[in-house]
Amino acid sequence: MNKTINSLYFSATDTTKKIVSGIAKGISATIEGEMTINTIDFTLPKVRIKAVSFSERDIVVIGVPVYAGRVPNVLLNYLNSLTGNGALAIPVVVYGNRNYDDALIELTDILEFNGFKVIAGGAFIGEHSFSVTLAKNRPDEQDMAIVSDFSKQISTKIITQERIHTVAVNGNRPYRNYYMPLKKDGSSVDLRKVVPKTNSNCLACKLCVNACPMGSIDAEDVSKLIGICIKCGACIKKCPAQAKYYDDKDYLRHKQELEIEYTSRRVPELFL
């Protein structure tokens, strides 16, 4: 079988990257014939400028993180610029142990609308972008064992079925509204304006500038934002000096609530 496997992902803290790359490599290893893997990491803004087109010869494993129970709205323009032309697709969403809500069905709908044939899908768990304790170090060995088995099942489906049927995934249409945390009085909290702060530990190494998927950290003064913050955690988790942090009271309370309420281990959900 002569096909190209495409590994596409938005992965600010590398959790989605690990899952998507694992699936792509697993498929490549279990399908006989000449298989090449093409990687498109669309985490940074400059990559999302270019639209990409595929063909029936392509297998596309595409992954995004779950933000507020949905596909991140900052990615919608890019995702809708992709053209499938009959390519086989495996949508993957990665969430921080709370819930993936309607993210997987939304990503599936986007791909099908743009000419992809969705043959499998999965919702996996990664360490929460807000936390270092919620789903800590996931995806872990157990998750990657599931990734390996999932890849084999996808390969079997591709090899053995003359007509590959599309797959149904969990979710609601119309999609639920974006998940919003609540204050103590029951009113909703809007975290969109919350931004990271910088403490005196900063080394001015500018790693955060290069890691920000929105290109929002000022290269001349890394304590300043020149664009939006999506709370992806990249600047905080990748800082070698632990110089970035949030101090917003609503954000911190919500973070604590998540860490208390969602400690039970969630397991990946697979659709084939």
Protein backbone atom coordinates (compact mmCIF):
# COMPACT_ATOMS: atom_id res chain seq x y z
CA MET A 1 0.00 0.00 0.00
CA ASN A 2 1.54 3.28 -1.13
CA LYS A 3 0.15 6.05 1.04
CA THR A 4 1.42 9.08 2.90
CA ILE A 5 0.59 9.37 6.58
CA ASN A 6 0.21 12.95 7.71
CA SER A 7 0.64 13.89 11.36
CA LEU A 8 -0.98 17.28 12.03
CA TYR A 9 -1.29 18.85 15.46
CA PHE A 10 -1.59 21.96 17.56
CA SER A 11 0.31 21.17 20.75
CA ALA A 12 1.50 24.03 22.94
CA THR A 13 2.78 21.73 25.71
CA ASP A 14 3.47 18.64 23.56
CA THR A 15 0.69 16.38 24.89
CA THR A 16 -1.34 16.36 21.67
CA LYS A 17 1.87 15.97 19.68
CA LYS A 18 2.71 12.79 21.59
CA ILE A 19 -0.68 11.20 20.91
CA VAL A 20 -0.94 12.16 17.23
CA SER A 21 2.66 11.21 16.47
CA GLY A 22 2.16 7.88 18.25
CA ILE A 23 -0.91 7.06 16.17
CA ALA A 24 0.79 8.04 12.90
CA LYS A 25 3.90 5.98 13.70
CA GLY A 26 1.75 3.04 14.80
CA ILE A 27 -0.19 3.02 11.53
CA SER A 28 3.03 3.30 9.53
CA ALA A 29 4.53 0.34 11.39
CA THR A 30 1.57 -1.96 10.84
CA ILE A 31 0.66 -1.34 7.20
CA GLU A 32 2.88 -3.09 4.68
CA GLY A 33 4.30 -1.16 1.79
CA GLU A 34 6.06 2.13 1.29
CA MET A 35 4.81 4.50 3.97
CA THR A 36 6.14 7.97 4.65
CA ILE A 37 5.14 10.26 7.50
CA ASN A 38 4.69 13.96 6.80
CA THR A 39 4.51 16.13 9.93
CA ILE A 40 2.73 19.48 10.09
CA ASP A 41 3.01 21.12 13.51
CA PHE A 42 0.60 24.07 13.27
CA THR A 43 1.15 25.26 16.83
CA LEU A 44 2.90 28.46 15.79
CA PRO A 45 1.18 31.25 13.84
CA LYS A 46 3.51 31.21 10.81
CA VAL A 47 2.52 27.62 9.98
CA ARG A 48 -1.20 28.41 10.09
CA ILE A 49 -0.83 30.93 7.28
CA LYS A 50 -0.47 28.23 4.65
CA ALA A 51 -3.49 26.17 3.59
CA VAL A 52 -2.82 22.48 2.93
CA SER A 53 -4.50 20.14 0.46
CA PHE A 54 -4.57 16.34 0.56
CA SER A 55 -5.67 13.53 -1.75
CA GLU A 56 -7.10 10.02 -1.64
CA ARG A 57 -3.54 8.74 -1.18
CA ASP A 58 -3.29 10.45 2.19
CA ILE A 59 -4.04 9.26 5.72
CA VAL A 60 -4.36 12.27 8.02
CA VAL A 61 -4.09 12.03 11.80
CA ILE A 62 -5.05 15.45 13.12
CA GLY A 63 -5.13 16.52 16.76
CA VAL A 64 -6.11 19.57 18.77
CA PRO A 65 -6.48 20.27 22.49
CA VAL A 66 -9.92 20.76 24.01
CA TYR A 67 -10.55 24.30 25.19
CA ALA A 68 -13.75 24.85 27.19
CA GLY A 69 -15.21 21.65 25.76
CA ARG A 70 -14.75 22.64 22.14
CA VAL A 71 -12.21 22.94 19.34
CA PRO A 72 -10.20 26.12 20.13
CA ASN A 73 -11.92 28.90 18.20
CA VAL A 74 -8.53 30.43 17.30
CA LEU A 75 -7.90 27.35 15.13
CA LEU A 76 -11.16 27.34 13.19
CA ASN A 77 -9.91 29.43 10.25
CA TYR A 78 -6.89 27.21 9.76
CA LEU A 79 -8.80 23.94 10.12
CA ASN A 80 -11.38 25.12 7.61
CA SER A 81 -8.60 25.97 5.15
CA LEU A 82 -7.58 22.30 4.92
CA THR A 83 -8.87 20.42 1.88
CA GLY A 84 -9.37 16.65 2.09
CA ASN A 85 -10.23 15.55 -1.47
CA GLY A 86 -11.19 12.12 -0.12
CA ALA A 87 -8.24 11.67 2.25
CA LEU A 88 -8.78 9.29 5.18
CA ALA A 89 -8.82 11.17 8.49
CA ILE A 90 -8.49 10.32 12.16
CA PRO A 91 -9.48 13.29 14.36
CA VAL A 92 -8.00 13.36 17.87
CA VAL A 93 -8.83 15.66 20.76
CA VAL A 94 -6.85 15.86 24.00
CA TYR A 95 -8.37 17.17 27.22
CA GLY A 96 -7.21 17.73 30.78
CA ASN A 97 -9.27 15.05 32.55
CA ARG A 98 -12.48 17.11 32.91
CA ASN A 99 -14.42 16.36 29.71
CA TYR A 100 -14.04 16.71 25.96
CA ASP A 101 -17.74 17.66 25.61
CA ASP A 102 -18.39 18.41 21.91
CA ALA A 103 -14.81 18.92 20.73
CA LEU A 104 -14.48 15.60 18.91
CA ILE A 105 -17.76 15.82 17.02
CA GLU A 106 -16.93 19.43 16.10
CA LEU A 107 -13.52 18.46 14.71
CA THR A 108 -15.11 15.51 12.89
CA ASP A 109 -17.72 17.78 11.30
CA ILE A 110 -15.05 20.25 10.17
CA LEU A 111 -13.06 17.51 8.47
CA GLU A 112 -16.06 15.92 6.77
CA PHE A 113 -17.29 19.31 5.56
CA ASN A 114 -13.88 19.92 3.99
CA GLY A 115 -13.75 16.66 2.05
CA PHE A 116 -12.13 14.20 4.43
CA LYS A 117 -13.42 10.69 5.07
CA VAL A 118 -13.34 10.21 8.85
CA ILE A 119 -12.68 6.52 9.58
CA ALA A 120 -11.80 6.67 13.29
CA GLY A 121 -11.53 9.15 16.13
CA GLY A 122 -10.32 9.41 19.67
CA ALA A 123 -10.51 11.54 22.82
CA PHE A 124 -7.35 11.25 24.89
CA ILE A 125 -6.15 12.78 28.15
CA GLY A 126 -3.15 15.06 28.64
CA GLU A 127 -1.87 17.02 31.60
CA HIS A 128 -4.18 20.00 32.04
CA SER A 129 -2.80 23.26 30.69
CA PHE A 130 -3.70 25.03 33.95
CA SER A 131 -2.08 22.48 36.25
CA VAL A 132 0.92 20.28 36.97
CA THR A 133 -1.13 17.88 39.12
CA LEU A 134 -4.32 17.35 37.09
CA ALA A 135 -3.66 14.37 34.78
CA LYS A 136 0.00 14.78 35.72
CA ASN A 137 2.49 13.53 33.09
CA ARG A 138 -0.24 12.22 30.80
CA PRO A 139 -0.23 10.81 28.22
CA ASP A 140 1.66 8.15 30.15
CA GLU A 141 2.62 4.54 29.44
CA GLN A 142 -0.97 3.32 29.83
CA ASP A 143 -2.19 5.92 27.38
CA MET A 144 0.51 5.12 24.86
CA ALA A 145 -0.33 1.41 25.06
CA ILE A 146 -3.89 2.37 24.09
CA VAL A 147 -2.47 4.52 21.28
CA SER A 148 -0.54 1.50 19.98
CA ASP A 149 -3.60 -0.75 20.01
CA PHE A 150 -5.76 1.98 18.44
CA SER A 151 -3.23 2.35 15.62
CA LYS A 152 -3.37 -1.38 14.91
CA GLN A 153 -7.17 -1.31 14.76
CA ILE A 154 -7.09 1.62 12.35
CA SER A 155 -4.57 -0.19 10.15
CA THR A 156 -6.76 -3.30 10.10
CA LYS A 157 -9.75 -1.20 9.07
CA ILE A 158 -7.78 0.40 6.24
CA ILE A 159 -6.36 -2.90 4.99
CA THR A 160 -9.40 -5.19 5.22
CA GLN A 161 -12.34 -3.02 4.19
CA GLU A 162 -12.97 -2.52 0.51
CA ARG A 163 -15.27 0.40 1.30
CA ILE A 164 -14.19 2.30 4.36
CA HIS A 165 -17.21 3.65 6.18
CA THR A 166 -17.23 6.89 8.10
CA VAL A 167 -17.40 6.64 11.87
CA ALA A 168 -19.81 8.20 14.36
CA VAL A 169 -18.35 9.88 17.45
CA ASN A 170 -19.90 11.12 20.67
CA GLY A 171 -21.19 14.66 20.95
CA ASN A 172 -24.14 16.96 20.43
CA ARG A 173 -25.47 18.87 17.47
CA PRO A 174 -25.94 21.76 17.86
CA TYR A 175 -22.77 21.93 19.94
CA ARG A 176 -22.96 22.97 23.55
CA ASN A 177 -21.78 26.46 24.43
CA TYR A 178 -18.18 26.86 25.53
CA TYR A 179 -17.74 25.62 29.08
CA MET A 180 -17.41 28.44 31.60
CA PRO A 181 -16.45 28.15 35.29
CA LEU A 182 -18.73 29.64 37.92
CA LYS A 183 -18.16 32.03 40.77
CA LYS A 184 -19.33 31.21 44.29
CA ASP A 185 -22.59 33.09 43.62
CA GLY A 186 -23.28 30.93 40.56
CA SER A 187 -22.49 33.56 37.95
CA SER A 188 -20.11 32.69 35.13
CA VAL A 189 -16.44 33.60 35.02
CA ASP A 190 -14.88 34.90 31.83
CA LEU A 191 -11.18 34.00 31.86
CA ARG A 192 -10.39 35.34 28.41
CA LYS A 193 -8.80 38.55 29.72
CA VAL A 194 -6.58 36.74 32.23
CA VAL A 195 -2.91 37.04 31.26
CA PRO A 196 0.33 35.62 32.67
CA LYS A 197 2.60 37.70 34.85
CA THR A 198 6.41 37.63 34.95
CA ASN A 199 8.46 37.55 38.15
CA SER A 200 12.07 38.47 38.92
CA ASN A 201 13.29 34.94 38.06
CA CYS A 202 13.09 35.84 34.36
CA LEU A 203 16.33 35.21 32.47
CA ALA A 204 15.19 37.05 29.34
CA CYS A 205 15.97 33.86 27.39
CA LYS A 206 12.92 34.52 25.20
CA LEU A 207 11.93 30.86 25.16
CA CYS A 208 8.39 31.98 25.99
CA VAL A 209 8.38 34.28 22.95
CA ASN A 210 9.15 31.37 20.67
CA ALA A 211 6.74 29.01 22.45
CA CYS A 212 3.62 31.22 22.42
CA PRO A 213 1.20 29.83 19.81
CA MET A 214 -0.45 33.23 19.39
CA GLY A 215 2.82 35.15 18.97
CA SER A 216 1.60 37.35 21.80
CA ILE A 217 4.70 37.81 23.96
CA ASP A 218 6.76 40.91 23.21
CA ALA A 219 10.27 39.92 22.15
CA GLU A 220 11.69 43.19 23.51
CA ASP A 221 9.99 42.91 26.89
CA VAL A 222 8.71 39.42 27.70
CA SER A 223 6.58 40.74 30.55
CA LYS A 224 4.32 42.45 27.99
CA LEU A 225 1.63 40.85 25.82
CA ILE A 226 0.98 42.20 22.33
CA GLY A 227 -1.88 39.81 21.54
CA ILE A 228 -4.35 37.44 23.13
CA CYS A 229 -3.60 34.74 25.69
CA ILE A 230 -5.42 31.43 25.26
CA LYS A 231 -4.20 29.95 28.57
CA CYS A 232 -2.36 27.11 26.79
CA GLY A 233 0.31 26.93 29.50
CA ALA A 234 3.27 26.94 27.12
CA CYS A 235 5.03 29.97 28.57
CA ILE A 236 4.57 28.70 32.13
CA LYS A 237 5.40 25.04 31.68
CA LYS A 238 8.35 25.60 29.35
CA CYS A 239 10.01 28.41 31.30
CA PRO A 240 13.35 27.16 32.71
CA ALA A 241 13.24 29.71 35.55
CA GLN A 242 9.56 29.39 36.56
CA ALA A 243 9.19 33.07 35.84
CA LYS A 244 5.67 33.00 34.37
CA TYR A 245 2.53 32.64 36.47
CA TYR A 246 -1.12 33.63 36.83
CA ASP A 247 -2.40 35.57 39.83
CA ASP A 248 -6.02 36.18 38.85
CA LYS A 249 -8.24 35.07 41.75
CA ASP A 250 -11.00 33.60 39.57
CA TYR A 251 -8.45 31.67 37.50
CA LEU A 252 -6.73 30.28 40.59
CA ARG A 253 -10.01 29.30 42.23
CA HIS A 254 -11.13 27.51 39.06
CA LYS A 255 -7.77 25.75 38.81
CA GLN A 256 -8.14 24.54 42.39
CA GLU A 257 -11.70 23.37 41.76
CA LEU A 258 -10.58 21.34 38.76
CA GLU A 259 -7.72 19.76 40.72
CA ILE A 260 -10.10 18.74 43.49
CA GLU A 261 -13.11 17.60 41.46
CA TYR A 262 -11.46 15.74 38.59
CA THR A 263 -8.85 13.58 40.29
CA SER A 264 -10.31 10.24 39.11
CA ARG A 265 -8.42 8.90 36.13
CA ARG A 266 -10.33 9.27 32.88
CA VAL A 267 -9.58 6.81 30.11
CA PRO A 268 -9.38 7.48 26.36
CA GLU A 269 -12.52 6.98 24.29
CA LEU A 270 -12.03 5.44 20.87
CA PHE A 271 -14.36 5.33 17.89
CA LEU A 272 -13.84 2.89 14.99
